Amino acid sequence: MPHAIKYHLTRLMDAQLATLATAGVPGRIIRKLDSKRFLLLDGQVIITTVSLPFLPVIPFSHLNLKQQMLMVGHAHHPGISKLQESDITDIEPANEPYFICDINEGEKLLGKSAVDVSDYFLRTNLHPLTAAESLALALHTNVLQRHNLIAINSNYKIGDQVISLSLSQHQPALKHATTHFADRTYGIPFYQKRV
């Protein structure tokens, strides 16, 4: 990996971990994420995008939904959710904090529903985001100022409900939507790999 790119990625990782520390994430979680530094920065994982090469993600089993919603507050308004964490099921669950790599923030799939894109994800080696991954995206970027998110890799209660994250009166709000829900102000973010 060229020195300039490695320097950029190192600074990005340092900034992301500092954001988590500032948000009050326990040191043990930050250390688990930092232990993946070698994989991401020393060429063990091939990163193909420079716009958003990686994001740290904390599963709800390590930091609950309520705590993570407080972290993604916007303009001094804490995030809100009336969803019960126990009603959210990830299709590809994770047991430990991790990074997702080569992220598209959802602009490629604006205005699409989960049903519209199901074949797309079957044909490609791409993964739509979970609820926790969408919260990480909202915490580390300003994506919600551009468009809302649909996390189709998490189900709500029953299989025909997915998770959405939007700004509602300046507050990030986590809600559920049907798999047929589509709106031009909502995008479906995805990534290439998980580390």
N, C-alpha and C. Protein backbone atom coordinates (compact mmCIF):
# COMPACT_ATOMS: atom_id res chain seq x y z
N MET A 1 0.85 -1.18 0.00
CA MET A 1 0.00 0.00 0.00
C MET A 1 0.89 1.24 0.00
N PRO A 2 0.68 2.18 -0.92
CA PRO A 2 1.48 3.41 -0.94
C PRO A 2 1.39 4.17 0.37
N HIS A 3 2.49 4.81 0.73
CA HIS A 3 2.59 5.52 2.01
C HIS A 3 1.48 6.57 2.17
N ALA A 4 1.17 7.34 1.14
CA ALA A 4 0.16 8.40 1.24
C ALA A 4 -1.22 7.82 1.55
N ILE A 5 -1.54 6.69 0.94
CA ILE A 5 -2.85 6.07 1.20
C ILE A 5 -2.88 5.50 2.61
N LYS A 6 -1.81 4.85 3.01
CA LYS A 6 -1.75 4.30 4.36
C LYS A 6 -1.87 5.41 5.40
N TYR A 7 -1.22 6.54 5.15
CA TYR A 7 -1.31 7.69 6.05
C TYR A 7 -2.76 8.17 6.16
N HIS A 8 -3.43 8.30 5.01
CA HIS A 8 -4.84 8.74 4.98
C HIS A 8 -5.72 7.76 5.76
N LEU A 9 -5.54 6.47 5.54
CA LEU A 9 -6.36 5.46 6.22
C LEU A 9 -6.08 5.42 7.72
N THR A 10 -4.82 5.63 8.10
CA THR A 10 -4.46 5.66 9.52
C THR A 10 -5.15 6.83 10.21
N ARG A 11 -5.11 7.98 9.57
CA ARG A 11 -5.78 9.17 10.13
C ARG A 11 -7.29 8.96 10.23
N LEU A 12 -7.87 8.32 9.21
CA LEU A 12 -9.31 8.04 9.23
C LEU A 12 -9.66 7.12 10.40
N MET A 13 -8.90 6.03 10.57
CA MET A 13 -9.16 5.11 11.67
C MET A 13 -9.00 5.82 13.02
N ASP A 14 -7.96 6.60 13.16
CA ASP A 14 -7.75 7.33 14.41
C ASP A 14 -8.93 8.26 14.70
N ALA A 15 -9.42 8.94 13.68
CA ALA A 15 -10.56 9.85 13.85
C ALA A 15 -11.83 9.08 14.23
N GLN A 16 -12.05 7.95 13.58
CA GLN A 16 -13.25 7.16 13.89
C GLN A 16 -13.20 6.63 15.32
N LEU A 17 -12.06 6.13 15.75
CA LEU A 17 -11.93 5.62 17.12
C LEU A 17 -12.04 6.76 18.13
N ALA A 18 -11.54 7.94 17.79
CA ALA A 18 -11.67 9.11 18.67
C ALA A 18 -13.14 9.53 18.78
N THR A 19 -13.87 9.45 17.67
CA THR A 19 -15.31 9.76 17.70
C THR A 19 -16.04 8.82 18.66
N LEU A 20 -15.69 7.54 18.61
CA LEU A 20 -16.31 6.57 19.52
C LEU A 20 -15.96 6.89 20.97
N ALA A 21 -14.71 7.23 21.23
CA ALA A 21 -14.29 7.56 22.60
C ALA A 21 -15.03 8.79 23.10
N THR A 22 -15.15 9.81 22.27
CA THR A 22 -15.86 11.03 22.63
C THR A 22 -17.33 10.75 22.92
N ALA A 23 -17.90 9.79 22.19
CA ALA A 23 -19.31 9.43 22.38
C ALA A 23 -19.53 8.56 23.61
N GLY A 24 -18.44 8.18 24.30
CA GLY A 24 -18.57 7.43 25.53
C GLY A 24 -18.52 5.92 25.37
N VAL A 25 -18.06 5.44 24.22
CA VAL A 25 -17.93 4.00 24.02
C VAL A 25 -16.85 3.47 24.96
N PRO A 26 -17.13 2.38 25.68
CA PRO A 26 -16.14 1.82 26.61
C PRO A 26 -14.82 1.47 25.93
N GLY A 27 -13.73 1.65 26.65
CA GLY A 27 -12.40 1.40 26.13
C GLY A 27 -12.21 -0.02 25.62
N ARG A 28 -12.84 -1.01 26.26
CA ARG A 28 -12.68 -2.41 25.83
C ARG A 28 -13.19 -2.60 24.40
N ILE A 29 -14.25 -1.89 24.02
CA ILE A 29 -14.79 -1.99 22.66
C ILE A 29 -13.84 -1.31 21.68
N ILE A 30 -13.34 -0.15 22.06
CA ILE A 30 -12.41 0.57 21.19
C ILE A 30 -11.14 -0.25 20.98
N ARG A 31 -10.67 -0.90 22.03
CA ARG A 31 -9.46 -1.75 21.90
C ARG A 31 -9.72 -2.93 20.96
N LYS A 32 -10.91 -3.52 21.03
CA LYS A 32 -11.23 -4.63 20.12
C LYS A 32 -11.20 -4.15 18.67
N LEU A 33 -11.74 -2.97 18.43
CA LEU A 33 -11.72 -2.42 17.07
C LEU A 33 -10.30 -2.07 16.65
N ASP A 34 -9.54 -1.47 17.56
CA ASP A 34 -8.17 -1.08 17.24
C ASP A 34 -7.29 -2.30 16.96
N SER A 35 -7.66 -3.45 17.50
CA SER A 35 -6.87 -4.66 17.25
C SER A 35 -6.95 -5.10 15.78
N LYS A 36 -7.88 -4.55 15.03
CA LYS A 36 -8.02 -4.88 13.61
C LYS A 36 -7.22 -3.92 12.71
N ARG A 37 -6.52 -2.99 13.33
CA ARG A 37 -5.74 -1.98 12.61
C ARG A 37 -4.78 -2.62 11.60
N PHE A 38 -4.06 -3.64 12.03
CA PHE A 38 -3.08 -4.28 11.15
C PHE A 38 -3.75 -4.83 9.89
N LEU A 39 -4.90 -5.48 10.06
CA LEU A 39 -5.61 -6.05 8.90
C LEU A 39 -6.00 -4.97 7.89
N LEU A 40 -6.45 -3.83 8.40
CA LEU A 40 -6.94 -2.78 7.51
C LEU A 40 -5.84 -1.90 6.93
N LEU A 41 -4.77 -1.70 7.68
CA LEU A 41 -3.76 -0.72 7.26
C LEU A 41 -2.49 -1.32 6.68
N ASP A 42 -2.31 -2.60 6.82
CA ASP A 42 -1.09 -3.21 6.31
C ASP A 42 -1.33 -4.14 5.13
N GLY A 43 -2.39 -3.87 4.40
CA GLY A 43 -2.62 -4.59 3.16
C GLY A 43 -3.22 -5.97 3.30
N GLN A 44 -3.62 -6.37 4.50
CA GLN A 44 -4.25 -7.68 4.67
C GLN A 44 -5.63 -7.71 4.03
N VAL A 45 -6.31 -6.57 4.02
CA VAL A 45 -7.62 -6.42 3.40
C VAL A 45 -7.45 -5.42 2.26
N ILE A 46 -7.89 -5.80 1.08
CA ILE A 46 -7.80 -4.91 -0.07
C ILE A 46 -8.97 -3.95 -0.05
N ILE A 47 -8.68 -2.67 0.01
CA ILE A 47 -9.69 -1.62 0.03
C ILE A 47 -9.67 -0.94 -1.32
N THR A 48 -10.85 -0.87 -1.95
CA THR A 48 -10.90 -0.36 -3.32
C THR A 48 -11.48 1.04 -3.44
N THR A 49 -12.05 1.58 -2.38
CA THR A 49 -12.62 2.92 -2.46
C THR A 49 -11.93 3.84 -1.48
N VAL A 50 -11.79 5.09 -1.85
CA VAL A 50 -11.21 6.06 -0.93
C VAL A 50 -12.28 6.98 -0.34
N SER A 51 -13.48 6.97 -0.90
CA SER A 51 -14.52 7.85 -0.38
C SER A 51 -14.96 7.43 1.01
N LEU A 52 -15.23 6.16 1.23
CA LEU A 52 -15.53 5.63 2.55
C LEU A 52 -14.97 4.22 2.64
N PRO A 53 -13.67 4.12 2.94
CA PRO A 53 -13.00 2.82 2.89
C PRO A 53 -13.43 1.85 3.98
N PHE A 54 -13.72 2.36 5.20
CA PHE A 54 -14.16 1.46 6.27
C PHE A 54 -14.87 2.24 7.36
N LEU A 55 -15.64 1.50 8.16
CA LEU A 55 -16.37 2.05 9.30
C LEU A 55 -16.34 1.06 10.45
N PRO A 56 -16.13 1.52 11.68
CA PRO A 56 -16.25 0.62 12.82
C PRO A 56 -17.73 0.42 13.18
N VAL A 57 -18.09 -0.82 13.51
CA VAL A 57 -19.47 -1.15 13.84
C VAL A 57 -19.49 -1.87 15.18
N ILE A 58 -20.44 -1.51 16.01
CA ILE A 58 -20.59 -2.14 17.32
C ILE A 58 -21.94 -2.85 17.35
N PRO A 59 -21.94 -4.19 17.43
CA PRO A 59 -23.22 -4.90 17.51
C PRO A 59 -23.98 -4.51 18.79
N PHE A 60 -25.30 -4.63 18.74
CA PHE A 60 -26.12 -4.28 19.90
C PHE A 60 -25.79 -5.16 21.11
N SER A 61 -25.21 -6.33 20.89
CA SER A 61 -24.82 -7.20 22.00
C SER A 61 -23.67 -6.60 22.82
N HIS A 62 -22.96 -5.63 22.25
CA HIS A 62 -21.85 -4.97 22.95
C HIS A 62 -22.18 -3.55 23.40
N LEU A 63 -23.09 -2.89 22.70
CA LEU A 63 -23.55 -1.55 23.08
C LEU A 63 -24.99 -1.46 22.60
N ASN A 64 -25.91 -1.34 23.53
CA ASN A 64 -27.32 -1.52 23.16
C ASN A 64 -27.86 -0.40 22.26
N LEU A 65 -29.02 -0.67 21.72
CA LEU A 65 -29.67 0.24 20.77
C LEU A 65 -29.85 1.63 21.36
N LYS A 66 -30.33 1.71 22.58
CA LYS A 66 -30.57 3.02 23.20
C LYS A 66 -29.28 3.83 23.30
N GLN A 67 -28.20 3.19 23.72
CA GLN A 67 -26.91 3.89 23.82
C GLN A 67 -26.43 4.36 22.44
N GLN A 68 -26.61 3.51 21.43
CA GLN A 68 -26.15 3.90 20.09
C GLN A 68 -27.02 5.00 19.50
N MET A 69 -28.31 5.02 19.81
CA MET A 69 -29.17 6.10 19.31
C MET A 69 -28.75 7.44 19.91
N LEU A 70 -28.33 7.44 21.17
CA LEU A 70 -27.86 8.67 21.78
C LEU A 70 -26.59 9.18 21.08
N MET A 71 -25.75 8.24 20.63
CA MET A 71 -24.50 8.61 19.97
C MET A 71 -24.74 9.27 18.61
N VAL A 72 -25.79 8.88 17.90
CA VAL A 72 -26.00 9.41 16.54
C VAL A 72 -26.84 10.68 16.54
N GLY A 73 -26.94 11.34 17.68
CA GLY A 73 -27.67 12.59 17.74
C GLY A 73 -27.21 13.57 16.68
N HIS A 74 -28.08 14.47 16.31
CA HIS A 74 -27.81 15.42 15.24
C HIS A 74 -28.15 16.81 15.75
N ALA A 75 -27.23 17.75 15.64
CA ALA A 75 -27.45 19.14 16.04
C ALA A 75 -28.00 19.21 17.46
N HIS A 76 -27.39 18.47 18.37
CA HIS A 76 -27.73 18.44 19.79
C HIS A 76 -29.10 17.82 20.07
N HIS A 77 -29.63 17.07 19.13
CA HIS A 77 -30.87 16.32 19.33
C HIS A 77 -30.53 14.84 19.36
N PRO A 78 -30.75 14.16 20.48
CA PRO A 78 -30.41 12.73 20.53
C PRO A 78 -31.28 11.92 19.57
N GLY A 79 -30.71 10.83 19.09
CA GLY A 79 -31.47 9.94 18.24
C GLY A 79 -32.59 9.27 19.02
N ILE A 80 -33.68 8.93 18.34
CA ILE A 80 -34.82 8.31 19.00
C ILE A 80 -35.20 7.02 18.29
N SER A 81 -35.75 6.10 19.07
CA SER A 81 -36.26 4.86 18.51
C SER A 81 -37.33 4.32 19.44
N LYS A 82 -38.45 3.95 18.86
CA LYS A 82 -39.50 3.28 19.64
C LYS A 82 -39.44 1.78 19.41
N LEU A 83 -38.45 1.34 18.63
CA LEU A 83 -38.29 -0.08 18.37
C LEU A 83 -37.64 -0.75 19.56
N GLN A 84 -38.02 -1.98 19.80
CA GLN A 84 -37.37 -2.78 20.83
C GLN A 84 -36.20 -3.53 20.21
N GLU A 85 -35.06 -3.43 20.83
CA GLU A 85 -33.86 -4.10 20.31
C GLU A 85 -34.10 -5.60 20.10
N SER A 86 -34.85 -6.21 20.99
CA SER A 86 -35.12 -7.65 20.89
C SER A 86 -35.97 -8.01 19.67
N ASP A 87 -36.61 -7.03 19.06
CA ASP A 87 -37.43 -7.27 17.86
C ASP A 87 -36.65 -7.11 16.57
N ILE A 88 -35.36 -6.73 16.66
CA ILE A 88 -34.51 -6.54 15.48
C ILE A 88 -33.61 -7.77 15.33
N THR A 89 -33.66 -8.39 14.17
CA THR A 89 -32.85 -9.58 13.89
C THR A 89 -31.98 -9.30 12.67
N ASP A 90 -30.68 -9.49 12.83
CA ASP A 90 -29.77 -9.31 11.70
C ASP A 90 -29.73 -10.59 10.87
N ILE A 91 -29.72 -10.43 9.56
CA ILE A 91 -29.62 -11.58 8.66
C ILE A 91 -28.22 -12.17 8.71
N GLU A 92 -27.21 -11.30 8.84
CA GLU A 92 -25.81 -11.74 8.98
C GLU A 92 -25.30 -11.21 10.32
N PRO A 93 -25.62 -11.90 11.45
CA PRO A 93 -25.25 -11.36 12.76
C PRO A 93 -23.74 -11.41 13.02
N ALA A 94 -23.31 -10.55 13.92
CA ALA A 94 -21.90 -10.50 14.34
C ALA A 94 -21.84 -10.58 15.86
N ASN A 95 -20.81 -11.24 16.37
CA ASN A 95 -20.67 -11.41 17.81
C ASN A 95 -19.70 -10.41 18.43
N GLU A 96 -18.85 -9.81 17.61
CA GLU A 96 -17.81 -8.90 18.10
C GLU A 96 -17.85 -7.59 17.30
N PRO A 97 -17.33 -6.50 17.87
CA PRO A 97 -17.17 -5.28 17.08
C PRO A 97 -16.30 -5.56 15.85
N TYR A 98 -16.58 -4.87 14.76
CA TYR A 98 -15.91 -5.16 13.48
C TYR A 98 -15.92 -3.92 12.60
N PHE A 99 -15.27 -4.02 11.46
CA PHE A 99 -15.28 -2.97 10.45
C PHE A 99 -15.98 -3.49 9.20
N ILE A 100 -16.73 -2.61 8.56
CA ILE A 100 -17.21 -2.90 7.21
C ILE A 100 -16.35 -2.08 6.26
N CYS A 101 -16.11 -2.63 5.07
CA CYS A 101 -15.16 -2.00 4.13
C CYS A 101 -15.81 -1.74 2.78
N ASP A 102 -15.30 -0.72 2.11
CA ASP A 102 -15.77 -0.33 0.77
C ASP A 102 -17.27 -0.06 0.79
N ILE A 103 -17.64 1.02 1.46
CA ILE A 103 -19.05 1.33 1.71
C ILE A 103 -19.61 2.28 0.66
N ASN A 104 -20.81 1.97 0.19
CA ASN A 104 -21.62 2.90 -0.60
C ASN A 104 -22.69 3.40 0.36
N GLU A 105 -22.83 4.69 0.50
CA GLU A 105 -23.73 5.29 1.49
C GLU A 105 -25.20 5.20 1.11
N GLY A 106 -25.52 4.62 -0.02
CA GLY A 106 -26.92 4.45 -0.41
C GLY A 106 -27.34 5.23 -1.62
N GLU A 107 -26.47 6.13 -2.11
CA GLU A 107 -26.87 6.96 -3.25
C GLU A 107 -27.06 6.12 -4.52
N LYS A 108 -26.38 5.00 -4.62
CA LYS A 108 -26.53 4.15 -5.80
C LYS A 108 -27.91 3.49 -5.85
N LEU A 109 -28.52 3.29 -4.68
CA LEU A 109 -29.82 2.63 -4.61
C LEU A 109 -30.88 3.53 -3.99
N LEU A 110 -30.88 4.79 -4.37
CA LEU A 110 -31.91 5.73 -3.91
C LEU A 110 -33.25 5.38 -4.53
N GLY A 111 -34.31 5.49 -3.74
CA GLY A 111 -35.65 5.28 -4.26
C GLY A 111 -36.02 3.83 -4.51
N LYS A 112 -35.21 2.91 -4.03
CA LYS A 112 -35.47 1.48 -4.24
C LYS A 112 -35.99 0.85 -2.95
N SER A 113 -36.76 -0.21 -3.11
CA SER A 113 -37.23 -0.96 -1.94
C SER A 113 -36.36 -2.20 -1.76
N ALA A 114 -36.52 -2.85 -0.62
CA ALA A 114 -35.80 -4.11 -0.37
C ALA A 114 -36.16 -5.14 -1.43
N VAL A 115 -37.41 -5.17 -1.81
CA VAL A 115 -37.86 -6.11 -2.85
C VAL A 115 -37.20 -5.79 -4.18
N ASP A 116 -37.11 -4.49 -4.52
CA ASP A 116 -36.50 -4.06 -5.79
C ASP A 116 -35.06 -4.55 -5.94
N VAL A 117 -34.30 -4.58 -4.84
CA VAL A 117 -32.87 -4.83 -4.92
C VAL A 117 -32.45 -6.24 -4.49
N SER A 118 -33.39 -7.09 -4.16
CA SER A 118 -33.02 -8.42 -3.65
C SER A 118 -32.20 -9.20 -4.67
N ASP A 119 -32.54 -9.14 -5.95
CA ASP A 119 -31.75 -9.83 -6.98
C ASP A 119 -30.37 -9.21 -7.13
N TYR A 120 -30.27 -7.90 -6.99
CA TYR A 120 -28.99 -7.21 -7.10
C TYR A 120 -28.00 -7.77 -6.10
N PHE A 121 -28.41 -7.94 -4.84
CA PHE A 121 -27.51 -8.44 -3.82
C PHE A 121 -27.23 -9.93 -3.98
N LEU A 122 -28.15 -10.67 -4.56
CA LEU A 122 -27.90 -12.09 -4.83
C LEU A 122 -26.85 -12.25 -5.94
N ARG A 123 -26.84 -11.34 -6.92
CA ARG A 123 -25.91 -11.42 -8.06
C ARG A 123 -24.52 -10.88 -7.75
N THR A 124 -24.41 -10.04 -6.77
CA THR A 124 -23.12 -9.40 -6.46
C THR A 124 -22.56 -9.94 -5.15
N ASN A 125 -21.37 -9.57 -4.85
CA ASN A 125 -20.74 -9.95 -3.59
C ASN A 125 -20.84 -8.79 -2.60
N LEU A 126 -21.96 -8.07 -2.63
CA LEU A 126 -22.17 -6.90 -1.79
C LEU A 126 -23.17 -7.24 -0.69
N HIS A 127 -23.08 -6.49 0.42
CA HIS A 127 -23.93 -6.76 1.58
C HIS A 127 -24.66 -5.49 1.99
N PRO A 128 -25.99 -5.52 2.06
CA PRO A 128 -26.71 -4.36 2.59
C PRO A 128 -26.44 -4.21 4.08
N LEU A 129 -26.62 -3.02 4.59
CA LEU A 129 -26.30 -2.75 5.99
C LEU A 129 -27.38 -3.27 6.94
N THR A 130 -26.94 -3.55 8.17
CA THR A 130 -27.83 -3.88 9.28
C THR A 130 -28.20 -2.57 9.99
N ALA A 131 -29.07 -2.69 11.00
CA ALA A 131 -29.43 -1.51 11.79
C ALA A 131 -28.20 -0.91 12.47
N ALA A 132 -27.37 -1.74 13.11
CA ALA A 132 -26.17 -1.23 13.80
C ALA A 132 -25.20 -0.60 12.81
N GLU A 133 -25.06 -1.19 11.63
CA GLU A 133 -24.16 -0.63 10.60
C GLU A 133 -24.68 0.71 10.10
N SER A 134 -26.00 0.85 9.99
CA SER A 134 -26.58 2.14 9.58
C SER A 134 -26.35 3.21 10.63
N LEU A 135 -26.43 2.83 11.89
CA LEU A 135 -26.14 3.79 12.96
C LEU A 135 -24.68 4.22 12.91
N ALA A 136 -23.78 3.27 12.63
CA ALA A 136 -22.36 3.62 12.49
C ALA A 136 -22.15 4.58 11.32
N LEU A 137 -22.83 4.33 10.22
CA LEU A 137 -22.73 5.22 9.05
C LEU A 137 -23.21 6.63 9.41
N ALA A 138 -24.31 6.71 10.15
CA ALA A 138 -24.84 8.02 10.54
C ALA A 138 -23.93 8.73 11.55
N LEU A 139 -23.27 7.96 12.40
CA LEU A 139 -22.38 8.56 13.40
C LEU A 139 -21.13 9.14 12.76
N HIS A 140 -20.56 8.44 11.80
CA HIS A 140 -19.25 8.83 11.25
C HIS A 140 -19.32 9.65 9.97
N THR A 141 -20.51 9.85 9.41
CA THR A 141 -20.67 10.65 8.19
C THR A 141 -21.86 11.59 8.36
N ASN A 142 -22.07 12.44 7.40
CA ASN A 142 -23.25 13.31 7.40
C ASN A 142 -24.32 12.80 6.43
N VAL A 143 -24.37 11.50 6.24
CA VAL A 143 -25.27 10.89 5.25
C VAL A 143 -26.72 11.32 5.45
N LEU A 144 -27.18 11.46 6.69
CA LEU A 144 -28.59 11.79 6.92
C LEU A 144 -28.94 13.21 6.48
N GLN A 145 -27.95 14.04 6.25
CA GLN A 145 -28.22 15.37 5.70
C GLN A 145 -28.47 15.30 4.20
N ARG A 146 -28.05 14.20 3.58
CA ARG A 146 -28.25 14.02 2.14
C ARG A 146 -29.45 13.13 1.81
N HIS A 147 -29.60 12.05 2.56
CA HIS A 147 -30.74 11.16 2.35
C HIS A 147 -30.89 10.23 3.54
N ASN A 148 -32.06 9.63 3.64
CA ASN A 148 -32.37 8.67 4.70
C ASN A 148 -31.87 7.29 4.29
N LEU A 149 -31.93 6.34 5.23
CA LEU A 149 -31.37 5.01 4.99
C LEU A 149 -32.41 3.92 5.23
N ILE A 150 -32.28 2.84 4.47
CA ILE A 150 -33.03 1.62 4.73
C ILE A 150 -32.01 0.51 4.94
N ALA A 151 -32.08 -0.12 6.11
CA ALA A 151 -31.16 -1.20 6.46
C ALA A 151 -31.86 -2.53 6.21
N ILE A 152 -31.64 -3.10 5.03
CA ILE A 152 -32.40 -4.30 4.67
C ILE A 152 -31.75 -5.60 5.15
N ASN A 153 -30.59 -5.50 5.82
CA ASN A 153 -29.96 -6.71 6.36
C ASN A 153 -30.37 -6.92 7.82
N SER A 154 -31.38 -6.17 8.28
CA SER A 154 -32.01 -6.39 9.58
C SER A 154 -33.51 -6.49 9.36
N ASN A 155 -34.13 -7.44 10.03
CA ASN A 155 -35.59 -7.58 9.99
C ASN A 155 -36.17 -7.08 11.30
N TYR A 156 -37.41 -6.58 11.22
CA TYR A 156 -38.11 -6.15 12.41
C TYR A 156 -39.27 -7.10 12.66
N LYS A 157 -39.25 -7.79 13.78
CA LYS A 157 -40.27 -8.75 14.22
C LYS A 157 -40.49 -9.87 13.23
N ILE A 158 -41.03 -9.53 12.10
CA ILE A 158 -41.33 -10.55 11.09
C ILE A 158 -40.57 -10.22 9.82
N GLY A 159 -40.41 -11.17 8.94
CA GLY A 159 -39.54 -11.03 7.78
C GLY A 159 -39.90 -9.96 6.78
N ASP A 160 -41.12 -9.43 6.78
CA ASP A 160 -41.46 -8.45 5.75
C ASP A 160 -41.31 -7.01 6.24
N GLN A 161 -40.56 -6.81 7.31
CA GLN A 161 -40.28 -5.48 7.84
C GLN A 161 -38.77 -5.29 7.90
N VAL A 162 -38.30 -4.13 7.46
CA VAL A 162 -36.88 -3.78 7.54
C VAL A 162 -36.74 -2.52 8.39
N ILE A 163 -35.53 -2.08 8.60
CA ILE A 163 -35.26 -0.93 9.47
C ILE A 163 -34.95 0.30 8.62
N SER A 164 -35.48 1.44 9.03
CA SER A 164 -35.14 2.70 8.36
C SER A 164 -34.56 3.67 9.38
N LEU A 165 -33.71 4.55 8.90
CA LEU A 165 -33.10 5.58 9.73
C LEU A 165 -33.25 6.90 8.98
N SER A 166 -33.90 7.85 9.61
CA SER A 166 -34.16 9.13 8.94
C SER A 166 -34.05 10.27 9.94
N LEU A 167 -33.99 11.48 9.41
CA LEU A 167 -34.06 12.67 10.26
C LEU A 167 -35.52 13.06 10.39
N SER A 168 -35.99 13.14 11.62
CA SER A 168 -37.37 13.53 11.90
C SER A 168 -37.31 14.73 12.84
N GLN A 169 -37.61 15.90 12.32
CA GLN A 169 -37.50 17.15 13.09
C GLN A 169 -36.11 17.27 13.73
N HIS A 170 -35.09 17.10 12.91
CA HIS A 170 -33.68 17.23 13.28
C HIS A 170 -33.16 16.11 14.19
N GLN A 171 -33.96 15.09 14.44
CA GLN A 171 -33.52 13.97 15.26
C GLN A 171 -33.42 12.71 14.41
N PRO A 172 -32.30 11.99 14.49
CA PRO A 172 -32.25 10.69 13.84
C PRO A 172 -33.30 9.77 14.48
N ALA A 173 -34.10 9.14 13.64
CA ALA A 173 -35.17 8.27 14.13
C ALA A 173 -35.06 6.90 13.47
N LEU A 174 -35.01 5.87 14.30
CA LEU A 174 -34.97 4.50 13.82
C LEU A 174 -36.40 3.95 13.85
N LYS A 175 -36.84 3.47 12.70
CA LYS A 175 -38.22 2.98 12.56
C LYS A 175 -38.20 1.68 11.76
N HIS A 176 -39.37 1.13 11.54
CA HIS A 176 -39.48 -0.03 10.66
C HIS A 176 -40.32 0.34 9.45
N ALA A 177 -40.12 -0.40 8.38
CA ALA A 177 -40.86 -0.18 7.13
C ALA A 177 -41.06 -1.53 6.45
N THR A 178 -42.01 -1.60 5.56
CA THR A 178 -42.22 -2.86 4.84
C THR A 178 -41.11 -3.05 3.81
N THR A 179 -40.94 -4.26 3.37
CA THR A 179 -39.93 -4.55 2.36
C THR A 179 -40.28 -3.93 1.01
N HIS A 180 -41.52 -3.46 0.86
CA HIS A 180 -41.95 -2.80 -0.39
C HIS A 180 -41.80 -1.28 -0.32
N PHE A 181 -41.43 -0.75 0.84
CA PHE A 181 -41.31 0.70 1.00
C PHE A 181 -40.19 1.24 0.11
N ALA A 182 -40.53 2.24 -0.67
CA ALA A 182 -39.54 2.94 -1.51
C ALA A 182 -39.90 4.42 -1.53
N ASP A 183 -38.89 5.24 -1.45
CA ASP A 183 -39.08 6.69 -1.48
C ASP A 183 -37.78 7.29 -1.99
N ARG A 184 -37.87 8.30 -2.83
CA ARG A 184 -36.67 8.88 -3.44
C ARG A 184 -35.73 9.52 -2.43
N THR A 185 -36.19 9.74 -1.20
CA THR A 185 -35.32 10.31 -0.17
C THR A 185 -34.64 9.24 0.69
N TYR A 186 -34.84 7.98 0.35
CA TYR A 186 -34.23 6.86 1.08
C TYR A 186 -33.30 6.08 0.16
N GLY A 187 -32.11 5.76 0.69
CA GLY A 187 -31.16 4.94 -0.04
C GLY A 187 -30.86 3.67 0.74
N ILE A 188 -30.41 2.65 0.03
CA ILE A 188 -30.03 1.39 0.65
C ILE A 188 -28.50 1.29 0.60
N PRO A 189 -27.84 1.53 1.73
CA PRO A 189 -26.37 1.46 1.75
C PRO A 189 -25.89 0.01 1.76
N PHE A 190 -24.64 -0.18 1.30
CA PHE A 190 -24.06 -1.53 1.27
C PHE A 190 -22.55 -1.46 1.35
N TYR A 191 -21.95 -2.62 1.54
CA TYR A 191 -20.49 -2.71 1.64
C TYR A 191 -20.01 -3.99 0.98
N GLN A 192 -18.68 -4.10 0.80
CA GLN A 192 -18.12 -5.28 0.15
C GLN A 192 -17.66 -6.36 1.11
N LYS A 193 -17.05 -5.97 2.23
CA LYS A 193 -16.53 -6.99 3.13
C LYS A 193 -16.58 -6.52 4.58
N ARG A 194 -16.51 -7.51 5.47
CA ARG A 194 -16.53 -7.29 6.91
C ARG A 194 -15.23 -7.84 7.50
N VAL A 195 -14.60 -7.07 8.38
CA VAL A 195 -13.35 -7.51 9.01
C VAL A 195 -13.51 -7.45 10.52
